[in-house]
């Protein structure tokens, strides 16, 4: 997956997330949608992390294709 594909995936997931947040804010979301919202948040974090890895590797003169998706526990464990 190249940077453009990752950005497109981020945009697709963000659109889904927005729709679910809108339903949640109106009190219309069900348990399955809330669960999907949590999954989307993790997947979005993983996509952003992968994009940042690729850009950092490129900036360091390394092959961005050697970047890989990190597991949810690692990505969600960041302390900012």
Protein backbone atom coordinates (compact mmCIF):
# COMPACT_ATOMS: atom_id res chain seq x y z
CA UNK A 1 0.00 0.00 0.00
CA UNK A 2 1.47 3.37 -0.98
CA UNK A 3 0.94 6.74 0.72
CA UNK A 4 -1.94 7.74 -1.55
CA UNK A 5 -3.77 4.49 -0.87
CA UNK A 6 -3.30 4.98 2.86
CA UNK A 7 -4.65 8.54 2.66
CA UNK A 8 -7.65 7.31 0.67
CA UNK A 9 -8.27 4.63 3.29
CA UNK A 10 -8.01 7.22 6.08
CA UNK A 11 -10.55 9.41 4.29
CA UNK A 12 -12.91 6.47 3.79
CA UNK A 13 -12.68 5.45 7.44
CA UNK A 14 -13.03 9.04 8.65
CA UNK A 15 -16.21 9.40 6.60
CA UNK A 16 -17.64 6.27 8.24
CA UNK A 17 -16.53 7.50 11.66
CA UNK A 18 -18.21 10.86 11.10
CA UNK A 19 -21.50 9.20 10.16
CA UNK A 20 -21.40 7.03 13.27
CA UNK A 21 -20.53 9.97 15.54
CA UNK A 22 -23.47 11.85 14.05
CA UNK A 23 -25.81 8.95 14.84
CA UNK A 24 -24.34 8.69 18.34
CA UNK A 25 -24.79 12.42 18.99
CA UNK A 26 -28.46 12.11 18.05
CA UNK A 27 -28.90 9.12 20.33
CA UNK A 28 -29.62 6.90 17.33
CA UNK A 29 -26.58 4.58 17.44
CA UNK A 30 -27.04 0.98 18.49
CA UNK A 31 -24.51 -1.21 20.29
CA UNK A 32 -23.15 -2.61 17.02
CA UNK A 33 -22.55 0.89 15.68
CA UNK A 34 -20.80 1.92 18.88
CA UNK A 35 -18.57 -1.14 18.61
CA UNK A 36 -17.86 -0.31 14.96
CA UNK A 37 -16.98 3.25 15.99
CA UNK A 38 -14.36 1.94 18.42
CA UNK A 39 -12.95 -0.36 15.73
CA UNK A 40 -12.78 2.54 13.28
CA UNK A 41 -10.87 4.67 15.77
CA UNK A 42 -8.23 1.97 16.23
CA UNK A 43 -7.96 1.31 12.49
CA UNK A 44 -7.61 5.03 11.82
CA UNK A 45 -4.82 5.25 14.39
CA UNK A 46 -3.08 2.32 12.72
CA UNK A 47 -3.38 3.94 9.28
CA UNK A 48 -2.01 7.26 10.54
CA UNK A 49 0.83 5.44 12.25
CA UNK A 50 1.69 3.58 9.06
CA UNK A 51 1.64 6.80 7.05
CA UNK A 52 3.94 8.48 9.60
CA UNK A 53 6.30 5.49 9.54
CA UNK A 54 6.48 5.61 5.74
CA UNK A 55 7.17 9.35 5.71
CA UNK A 56 9.82 9.05 8.41
CA UNK A 57 11.55 6.20 6.59
CA UNK A 58 11.52 8.18 3.35
CA UNK A 59 12.92 11.26 5.10
CA UNK A 60 15.71 9.12 6.56
CA UNK A 61 16.63 7.75 3.14
CA UNK A 62 15.14 4.35 3.92
CA UNK A 63 12.60 2.30 1.99
CA UNK A 64 9.07 3.35 3.02
CA UNK A 65 7.77 -0.04 1.89
CA UNK A 66 9.54 -1.60 4.88
CA UNK A 67 7.05 0.13 7.21
CA UNK A 68 4.36 -2.14 8.59
CA UNK A 69 1.04 -1.90 10.37
CA UNK A 70 1.60 -2.11 14.10
CA UNK A 71 -0.81 -4.02 16.29
CA UNK A 72 -3.62 -2.16 17.99
CA UNK A 73 -2.11 -2.54 21.45
CA UNK A 74 1.08 -0.86 20.39
CA UNK A 75 -0.58 1.97 18.46
CA UNK A 76 -3.19 2.62 21.14
CA UNK A 77 -0.53 2.50 23.86
CA UNK A 78 1.19 5.69 22.71
CA UNK A 79 1.35 8.34 25.38
CA UNK A 80 1.29 11.29 22.99
